[in-house]
Amino acid sequence: MISPDQEIYSTIEKSLAKEAGCRFTGKQGTVAGVNGSAIPLVGRNDVVLFDLDESDDNLLQSARDICEARRPNAIIIALASDNLPLEKARQLRRIGVDDVLPRNSVQDEIIPQVQSIRERREAQLPAIWGGHATQGKVIAVAQSRGGVGSSILAANLANELQDKQGFFKKKAKNDVALVDLDFQFGSLAAMMDVEESDAMWRMAMEGSIPDSAFLEQAMTKSKCGVDVLPAPSRYGPLNAIKEEQVSAILDSLKRSHDYIVVDLPRALVEWLTPVLTQADRLYLVTDVSVPSVRSARKLMDFYQAENPALEIQLVASFEKKPLIQAAHHRAATKLLDKEFSYWVPKDERTTREALDRGVPLHDVSSRAPLTKTIRKMALDMSHALPPRAGHH
């Protein structure tokens, strides 16, 4: 505990004294004012509570220093006044703080909150092999407007990321999960030819925190080998899902899979935060029409406000990469302030046959330009974001 408030310090010490196997230590003072001893203290404890100095201009930097110094899987909780702005609390969460609690209720909430965070963490304790964490990579796929082919891209990117090898009977080298978070209009179940499920709908309605047992029941292995968590088969309100539920799903899948491809809805809802926070890369799919490019610009601003460190790569839909960019291509690049990383050509015949048969594009035509482009995206990603170390 790091706090200048003697009353809070004593309150928490008394609350934790009743907990078996719990050892309490701390420093009385602000994070910046304890003469550099706060950071070493953070690295030696499993749970860290620190009092926010809301008058400090370097508040966020102090919180970031604490989060960076944490030991593996340590829990970081900040204490604040009731009038802490919501945006400031969200910034603290994005930095890595697990929760922000009001000072006046810390005595009643500290034990249940720590237990709750620990339960959510059980599914993500990282295995260690050769000194490297073995958690998978989260890849998000978003769209600037409906109909640009982002779901087709997500489904086929997941298939290609399996990196199947072998001459006669090909075997997947990587374990890949495909998560359909388009809660109301998700179509990945049909694309991958798997049964629709009400599991996500029941989870949302019941407010339960999903664990590995839930995912084993809710996910279906497609014929191509990708594990699919489909969108609900019935409609539900977008705000029915909670951030902690999405976070728990990703935590569990990162432990069991090399890559988790997440198909995002176009709607901007609060429960997207854990996806954007945990994503190792985000593909934003758009065509180069003026309305789509403007929408893409707004989405980029929103995503980067949630996670400034998020790597966003632009994908130009329905166009082959031009040898010389036309005027509207240059205008789009200027407005987006970013070059297109990939150009996905239009291929109605291959796409239609793949959708009708419920198979990946690769099974229809491995030589089609569209298939080759997505295969290159998967290859580039596997080089930049290698699969889990020693997972076999």
Protein backbone atom coordinates (compact mmCIF):
# COMPACT_ATOMS: atom_id res chain seq x y z
CA MET A 1 0.00 0.00 0.00
CA ILE A 2 1.28 3.46 -0.94
CA SER A 3 -0.74 6.27 0.62
CA PRO A 4 -0.11 9.48 2.57
CA ASP A 5 -3.45 9.07 4.36
CA GLN A 6 -2.90 7.44 7.78
CA GLU A 7 -6.60 6.59 8.14
CA ILE A 8 -6.80 4.74 4.82
CA TYR A 9 -3.48 3.04 5.51
CA SER A 10 -4.73 1.77 8.88
CA THR A 11 -8.15 0.79 7.49
CA ILE A 12 -6.70 -1.44 4.78
CA GLU A 13 -4.14 -2.94 7.13
CA LYS A 14 -6.94 -3.94 9.55
CA SER A 15 -9.11 -5.32 6.72
CA LEU A 16 -6.33 -7.54 5.43
CA ALA A 17 -5.20 -8.68 8.87
CA LYS A 18 -8.06 -11.21 8.93
CA GLU A 19 -6.99 -12.79 5.63
CA ALA A 20 -5.03 -16.01 6.03
CA GLY A 21 -1.69 -16.12 4.24
CA CYS A 22 -1.68 -12.38 3.63
CA ARG A 23 1.31 -10.19 4.45
CA PHE A 24 0.85 -6.41 4.40
CA THR A 25 3.56 -3.85 3.81
CA GLY A 26 3.67 -0.34 2.46
CA LYS A 27 4.89 3.24 2.45
CA GLN A 28 3.13 6.28 3.84
CA GLY A 29 3.35 9.04 1.26
CA THR A 30 2.55 9.74 -2.38
CA VAL A 31 4.03 7.64 -5.17
CA ALA A 32 6.28 10.52 -6.21
CA GLY A 33 7.18 11.44 -2.66
CA VAL A 34 8.52 8.22 -1.15
CA ASN A 35 12.05 8.79 -2.40
CA GLY A 36 12.12 6.19 -5.16
CA SER A 37 11.27 3.25 -2.88
CA ALA A 38 7.74 2.85 -4.27
CA ILE A 39 8.78 1.13 -7.53
CA PRO A 40 10.93 -1.59 -5.90
CA LEU A 41 8.07 -2.20 -3.46
CA VAL A 42 5.67 -2.70 -6.39
CA GLY A 43 7.88 -5.38 -7.91
CA ARG A 44 7.86 -7.49 -4.75
CA ASN A 45 4.11 -7.79 -4.14
CA ASP A 46 1.14 -9.63 -5.67
CA VAL A 47 -1.39 -6.87 -4.97
CA VAL A 48 -0.51 -3.17 -5.12
CA LEU A 49 -2.78 -0.38 -3.90
CA PHE A 50 -1.77 3.23 -4.40
CA ASP A 51 -3.48 6.48 -3.51
CA LEU A 52 -3.96 8.83 -6.45
CA ASP A 53 -2.59 12.32 -5.99
CA GLU A 54 -5.21 13.98 -8.18
CA SER A 55 -3.48 17.37 -8.00
CA ASP A 56 -0.31 15.89 -9.52
CA ASP A 57 0.14 16.78 -13.20
CA ASN A 58 2.20 13.60 -13.61
CA LEU A 59 -0.54 11.34 -12.22
CA LEU A 60 -0.75 9.17 -15.35
CA GLN A 61 3.01 8.82 -15.63
CA SER A 62 3.23 7.73 -11.98
CA ALA A 63 0.52 5.12 -12.63
CA ARG A 64 2.34 3.94 -15.75
CA ASP A 65 5.60 3.55 -13.79
CA ILE A 66 3.79 1.37 -11.24
CA CYS A 67 2.20 -0.80 -13.93
CA GLU A 68 5.50 -1.29 -15.74
CA ALA A 69 7.23 -2.29 -12.49
CA ARG A 70 4.61 -4.90 -11.50
CA ARG A 71 5.63 -8.50 -11.09
CA PRO A 72 3.98 -11.02 -13.51
CA ASN A 73 0.22 -11.15 -12.98
CA ALA A 74 0.24 -8.70 -10.06
CA ILE A 75 -3.00 -6.81 -9.36
CA ILE A 76 -2.85 -3.00 -9.42
CA ILE A 77 -5.66 -1.01 -7.75
CA ALA A 78 -5.84 2.78 -7.52
CA LEU A 79 -7.75 4.66 -4.79
CA ALA A 80 -9.44 7.92 -5.79
CA SER A 81 -12.08 10.41 -4.71
CA ASP A 82 -15.71 10.00 -5.80
CA ASN A 83 -15.43 12.93 -8.23
CA LEU A 84 -12.56 11.49 -10.29
CA PRO A 85 -13.55 12.15 -13.95
CA LEU A 86 -14.67 9.04 -15.84
CA GLU A 87 -12.22 9.75 -18.64
CA LYS A 88 -9.34 9.82 -16.15
CA ALA A 89 -10.43 6.45 -14.75
CA ARG A 90 -10.61 5.01 -18.29
CA GLN A 91 -7.10 6.29 -19.01
CA LEU A 92 -5.83 4.55 -15.87
CA ARG A 93 -7.46 1.28 -17.01
CA ARG A 94 -5.85 1.59 -20.44
CA ILE A 95 -2.44 2.13 -18.84
CA GLY A 96 -2.81 -1.16 -16.97
CA VAL A 97 -4.50 -0.37 -13.65
CA ASP A 98 -6.91 -3.25 -12.91
CA ASP A 99 -9.47 -1.14 -11.07
CA VAL A 100 -10.12 2.26 -9.49
CA LEU A 101 -11.91 2.22 -6.11
CA PRO A 102 -13.40 5.16 -4.18
CA ARG A 103 -11.53 5.91 -0.96
CA ASN A 104 -14.68 6.06 1.19
CA SER A 105 -15.68 2.46 0.41
CA VAL A 106 -12.31 0.78 0.22
CA GLN A 107 -12.77 -1.11 3.51
CA ASP A 108 -15.84 -2.95 2.20
CA GLU A 109 -14.67 -3.43 -1.38
CA ILE A 110 -10.98 -4.26 -1.26
CA ILE A 111 -11.23 -7.98 -0.38
CA PRO A 112 -14.12 -8.82 -2.80
CA GLN A 113 -12.47 -6.81 -5.57
CA VAL A 114 -9.12 -8.57 -5.25
CA GLN A 115 -10.87 -11.94 -5.23
CA SER A 116 -12.91 -11.01 -8.30
CA ILE A 117 -9.82 -9.94 -10.24
CA ARG A 118 -8.02 -13.13 -9.23
CA GLU A 119 -10.92 -15.27 -10.48
CA ARG A 120 -10.81 -13.51 -13.86
CA ARG A 121 -7.05 -14.02 -13.98
CA GLU A 122 -7.17 -17.78 -13.36
CA ALA A 123 -7.70 -18.45 -17.04
CA GLN A 124 -4.75 -16.32 -18.17
CA LEU A 125 -1.84 -17.32 -15.88
CA PRO A 126 0.91 -17.46 -18.51
CA ALA A 127 2.92 -20.65 -18.87
CA ILE A 128 6.65 -20.07 -19.19
CA TRP A 129 8.90 -21.92 -21.61
CA GLY A 130 12.48 -20.96 -22.28
CA GLY A 131 11.92 -17.67 -20.49
CA HIS A 132 9.12 -16.62 -22.85
CA ALA A 133 5.44 -16.18 -21.98
CA THR A 134 3.24 -18.49 -24.01
CA GLN A 135 0.18 -16.30 -24.49
CA GLY A 136 -1.37 -16.00 -27.92
CA LYS A 137 -1.77 -12.86 -30.01
CA VAL A 138 -5.06 -10.97 -30.41
CA ILE A 139 -5.82 -9.71 -33.93
CA ALA A 140 -8.83 -7.40 -34.32
CA VAL A 141 -10.60 -6.80 -37.64
CA ALA A 142 -12.81 -3.71 -38.00
CA GLN A 143 -14.78 -2.11 -40.83
CA SER A 144 -15.40 1.48 -41.92
CA ARG A 145 -18.86 0.55 -43.24
CA GLY A 146 -20.98 -2.53 -43.83
CA GLY A 147 -20.28 -4.61 -46.91
CA VAL A 148 -16.54 -4.03 -47.26
CA GLY A 149 -15.72 -7.69 -46.58
CA SER A 150 -14.21 -7.45 -43.09
CA SER A 151 -15.88 -10.67 -41.89
CA ILE A 152 -14.67 -12.58 -44.96
CA LEU A 153 -11.19 -11.23 -44.28
CA ALA A 154 -11.35 -12.25 -40.59
CA ALA A 155 -12.56 -15.79 -41.36
CA ASN A 156 -9.95 -16.46 -44.04
CA LEU A 157 -7.15 -14.78 -42.11
CA ALA A 158 -7.90 -17.17 -39.22
CA ASN A 159 -7.71 -20.12 -41.61
CA GLU A 160 -4.40 -19.00 -43.12
CA LEU A 161 -2.87 -18.34 -39.69
CA GLN A 162 -3.12 -22.07 -38.95
CA ASP A 163 -0.10 -22.44 -41.27
CA LYS A 164 -1.05 -25.95 -42.44
CA GLN A 165 1.93 -28.05 -43.46
CA GLY A 166 2.34 -31.48 -45.00
CA PHE A 167 2.29 -32.95 -48.50
CA PHE A 168 -0.78 -35.20 -48.51
CA LYS A 169 -2.59 -34.61 -45.24
CA LYS A 170 -1.90 -31.08 -44.10
CA LYS A 171 -1.70 -30.46 -40.35
CA ALA A 172 -2.16 -27.08 -38.67
CA LYS A 173 0.97 -25.74 -37.04
CA ASN A 174 -0.87 -23.08 -34.99
CA ASP A 175 -4.03 -23.15 -32.87
CA VAL A 176 -6.35 -20.37 -34.03
CA ALA A 177 -9.61 -19.06 -32.57
CA LEU A 178 -12.16 -16.90 -34.39
CA VAL A 179 -14.45 -14.75 -32.22
CA ASP A 180 -17.54 -13.07 -33.67
CA LEU A 181 -18.26 -10.00 -31.55
CA ASP A 182 -20.80 -8.59 -33.99
CA PHE A 183 -23.39 -9.35 -31.31
CA GLN A 184 -26.46 -8.60 -33.42
CA PHE A 185 -25.51 -9.29 -37.04
CA GLY A 186 -22.57 -11.70 -36.85
CA SER A 187 -22.27 -14.04 -39.84
CA LEU A 188 -19.13 -16.04 -39.15
CA ALA A 189 -21.06 -19.18 -38.15
CA ALA A 190 -22.53 -19.40 -41.67
CA MET A 191 -19.20 -18.58 -43.31
CA MET A 192 -17.39 -21.31 -41.36
CA ASP A 193 -20.32 -23.76 -41.67
CA VAL A 194 -20.73 -24.28 -37.91
CA GLU A 195 -23.86 -24.42 -35.79
CA GLU A 196 -25.19 -21.18 -34.36
CA SER A 197 -25.18 -20.98 -30.57
CA ASP A 198 -27.04 -19.17 -27.79
CA ALA A 199 -24.04 -19.41 -25.45
CA MET A 200 -22.98 -15.77 -25.85
CA TRP A 201 -26.59 -14.60 -25.46
CA ARG A 202 -27.05 -16.59 -22.23
CA MET A 203 -23.72 -15.32 -20.88
CA ALA A 204 -24.78 -11.72 -21.55
CA MET A 205 -28.26 -12.11 -20.08
CA GLU A 206 -27.01 -13.92 -16.95
CA GLY A 207 -24.07 -11.59 -16.41
CA SER A 208 -21.73 -14.54 -15.76
CA ILE A 209 -17.96 -14.35 -16.19
CA PRO A 210 -16.92 -16.92 -18.83
CA ASP A 211 -14.12 -19.37 -18.08
CA SER A 212 -12.36 -22.16 -19.96
CA ALA A 213 -15.27 -24.55 -19.30
CA PHE A 214 -17.70 -22.08 -20.88
CA LEU A 215 -15.52 -21.73 -23.96
CA GLU A 216 -15.19 -25.49 -24.38
CA GLN A 217 -18.98 -25.72 -24.59
CA ALA A 218 -19.57 -22.51 -26.56
CA MET A 219 -16.89 -22.91 -29.24
CA THR A 220 -17.16 -25.17 -32.26
CA LYS A 221 -14.30 -26.50 -34.36
CA SER A 222 -14.90 -25.78 -38.04
CA LYS A 223 -14.06 -28.28 -40.79
CA CYS A 224 -10.94 -26.29 -41.64
CA GLY A 225 -9.71 -26.58 -38.02
CA VAL A 226 -10.38 -23.08 -36.68
CA ASP A 227 -12.17 -22.88 -33.30
CA VAL A 228 -15.17 -20.55 -33.72
CA LEU A 229 -17.04 -18.62 -31.03
CA PRO A 230 -20.13 -17.55 -33.00
CA ALA A 231 -22.35 -14.55 -32.40
CA PRO A 232 -25.69 -15.28 -30.69
CA SER A 233 -28.40 -16.86 -32.82
CA ARG A 234 -30.97 -14.48 -31.32
CA TYR A 235 -31.00 -10.70 -31.01
CA GLY A 236 -29.98 -8.99 -27.81
CA PRO A 237 -29.16 -5.41 -26.77
CA LEU A 238 -25.61 -4.35 -27.63
CA ASN A 239 -24.99 -3.12 -24.07
CA ALA A 240 -25.89 -6.53 -22.62
CA ILE A 241 -22.24 -7.65 -22.78
CA LYS A 242 -19.87 -6.29 -20.13
CA GLU A 243 -16.20 -5.39 -20.42
CA GLU A 244 -15.16 -7.99 -17.86
CA GLN A 245 -16.89 -10.75 -19.87
CA VAL A 246 -15.07 -9.86 -23.08
CA SER A 247 -11.81 -9.53 -21.16
CA ALA A 248 -12.26 -12.99 -19.60
CA ILE A 249 -12.92 -14.56 -23.03
CA LEU A 250 -9.72 -13.09 -24.45
CA ASP A 251 -7.71 -13.99 -21.36
CA SER A 252 -8.71 -17.63 -21.63
CA LEU A 253 -8.21 -17.89 -25.40
CA LYS A 254 -4.76 -16.29 -25.20
CA ARG A 255 -3.71 -19.16 -23.01
CA SER A 256 -5.02 -21.90 -25.30
CA HIS A 257 -4.46 -20.49 -28.81
CA ASP A 258 -1.62 -18.99 -30.81
CA TYR A 259 -3.82 -16.44 -32.57
CA ILE A 260 -7.25 -15.03 -31.69
CA VAL A 261 -8.92 -13.23 -34.59
CA VAL A 262 -11.75 -10.98 -33.38
CA ASP A 263 -14.37 -9.68 -35.83
CA LEU A 264 -15.56 -6.35 -34.39
CA PRO A 265 -18.97 -4.70 -34.81
CA ARG A 266 -19.10 -1.27 -36.37
CA ALA A 267 -20.93 0.07 -33.31
CA LEU A 268 -18.72 1.80 -30.75
CA VAL A 269 -19.64 0.26 -27.41
CA GLU A 270 -17.86 0.28 -24.05
CA TRP A 271 -17.07 -3.43 -24.08
CA LEU A 272 -14.73 -2.91 -27.05
CA THR A 273 -12.17 -1.48 -24.60
CA PRO A 274 -10.64 -4.83 -23.53
CA VAL A 275 -10.30 -5.89 -27.18
CA LEU A 276 -8.53 -2.66 -28.11
CA THR A 277 -6.40 -2.83 -24.98
CA GLN A 278 -5.29 -6.43 -25.57
CA ALA A 279 -5.06 -6.35 -29.38
CA ASP A 280 -1.58 -6.81 -30.80
CA ARG A 281 -2.74 -5.54 -34.19
CA LEU A 282 -5.94 -4.12 -35.72
CA TYR A 283 -6.86 -4.31 -39.40
CA LEU A 284 -9.25 -1.56 -40.48
CA VAL A 285 -10.97 -2.57 -43.73
CA THR A 286 -12.35 0.20 -45.93
CA ASP A 287 -12.96 1.06 -49.55
CA VAL A 288 -11.58 4.33 -50.88
CA SER A 289 -14.87 6.20 -51.36
CA VAL A 290 -15.09 9.54 -49.57
CA PRO A 291 -17.75 8.51 -46.99
CA SER A 292 -15.86 5.31 -46.10
CA VAL A 293 -12.52 7.08 -45.76
CA ARG A 294 -14.06 9.74 -43.49
CA SER A 295 -15.60 7.01 -41.35
CA ALA A 296 -12.24 5.20 -41.21
CA ARG A 297 -10.55 8.39 -40.02
CA LYS A 298 -13.04 8.74 -37.15
CA LEU A 299 -12.63 5.09 -36.19
CA MET A 300 -8.84 5.39 -36.15
CA ASP A 301 -9.09 8.37 -33.80
CA PHE A 302 -11.43 6.44 -31.50
CA TYR A 303 -9.31 3.28 -31.44
CA GLN A 304 -6.10 5.17 -30.77
CA ALA A 305 -7.74 7.19 -28.00
CA GLU A 306 -8.58 3.87 -26.32
CA ASN A 307 -5.10 2.44 -26.88
CA PRO A 308 -2.45 4.88 -28.17
CA ALA A 309 0.02 2.01 -28.64
CA LEU A 310 -2.34 -0.02 -30.85
CA GLU A 311 -0.86 -0.91 -34.24
CA ILE A 312 -3.47 -0.14 -36.91
CA GLN A 313 -2.99 -1.36 -40.49
CA LEU A 314 -5.29 -0.14 -43.25
CA VAL A 315 -6.72 -2.59 -45.77
CA ALA A 316 -8.14 -1.24 -49.05
CA SER A 317 -11.07 -3.42 -50.03
CA PHE A 318 -12.18 -4.40 -53.55
CA GLU A 319 -9.08 -2.96 -55.25
CA LYS A 320 -5.84 -4.37 -56.64
CA LYS A 321 -2.72 -2.52 -55.58
CA PRO A 322 -2.19 0.13 -58.28
CA LEU A 323 1.20 0.57 -59.90
CA ILE A 324 0.60 4.32 -59.77
CA GLN A 325 -1.97 5.62 -57.31
CA ALA A 326 -4.85 7.62 -58.76
CA ALA A 327 -5.88 11.02 -57.39
CA HIS A 328 -8.59 9.55 -55.15
CA HIS A 329 -6.08 7.07 -53.68
CA ARG A 330 -3.70 9.90 -52.82
CA ALA A 331 -6.55 11.94 -51.34
CA ALA A 332 -7.60 9.00 -49.16
CA THR A 333 -4.03 8.48 -47.94
CA LYS A 334 -3.73 12.17 -47.11
CA LEU A 335 -6.96 12.24 -45.13
CA LEU A 336 -6.08 9.05 -43.25
CA ASP A 337 -2.50 10.24 -42.72
CA LYS A 338 -1.45 6.65 -43.27
CA GLU A 339 -0.58 4.41 -46.22
CA PHE A 340 -2.65 1.33 -47.02
CA SER A 341 -0.78 -1.77 -45.86
CA TYR A 342 -2.75 -4.18 -48.07
CA TRP A 343 -4.99 -4.02 -51.13
CA VAL A 344 -7.62 -6.77 -51.31
CA PRO A 345 -8.84 -7.37 -54.89
CA LYS A 346 -12.46 -8.04 -55.76
CA ASP A 347 -13.22 -11.69 -56.60
CA GLU A 348 -16.96 -12.27 -56.69
CA ARG A 349 -16.83 -15.80 -58.12
CA THR A 350 -14.40 -17.24 -55.56
CA THR A 351 -16.08 -15.39 -52.68
CA ARG A 352 -19.60 -16.50 -53.66
CA GLU A 353 -18.59 -20.16 -54.01
CA ALA A 354 -16.74 -20.11 -50.67
CA LEU A 355 -19.75 -18.56 -48.90
CA ASP A 356 -22.24 -20.97 -50.49
CA ARG A 357 -20.14 -24.01 -49.56
CA GLY A 358 -19.15 -22.72 -46.11
CA VAL A 359 -15.44 -23.25 -46.78
CA PRO A 360 -12.38 -20.97 -46.79
CA LEU A 361 -11.33 -19.23 -50.00
CA HIS A 362 -8.24 -21.45 -50.06
CA ASP A 363 -10.43 -24.54 -50.58
CA VAL A 364 -12.10 -22.96 -53.62
CA SER A 365 -8.98 -21.54 -55.26
CA SER A 366 -5.57 -21.35 -53.63
CA ARG A 367 -4.25 -19.34 -56.58
CA ALA A 368 -6.94 -16.66 -56.67
CA PRO A 369 -5.51 -13.14 -56.11
CA LEU A 370 -7.83 -12.65 -53.12
CA THR A 371 -6.60 -15.87 -51.48
CA LYS A 372 -2.97 -14.95 -52.15
CA THR A 373 -3.41 -11.51 -50.58
CA ILE A 374 -4.89 -12.89 -47.37
CA ARG A 375 -2.21 -15.61 -47.25
CA LYS A 376 0.46 -12.89 -47.47
CA MET A 377 -1.22 -10.97 -44.64
CA ALA A 378 -1.08 -14.10 -42.46
CA LEU A 379 2.56 -14.76 -43.38
CA ASP A 380 3.58 -11.18 -42.61
CA MET A 381 1.75 -11.35 -39.29
CA SER A 382 3.33 -14.64 -38.22
CA HIS A 383 6.75 -13.09 -38.81
CA ALA A 384 5.95 -9.88 -36.93
CA LEU A 385 3.91 -11.62 -34.18
CA PRO A 386 5.28 -15.16 -33.73
CA PRO A 387 3.06 -17.90 -32.22
CA ARG A 388 3.42 -19.05 -28.65
CA ALA A 389 6.82 -20.43 -27.70
CA GLY A 390 6.94 -24.15 -26.97
CA HIS A 391 3.17 -24.60 -27.06
CA HIS A 392 3.56 -28.12 -28.44
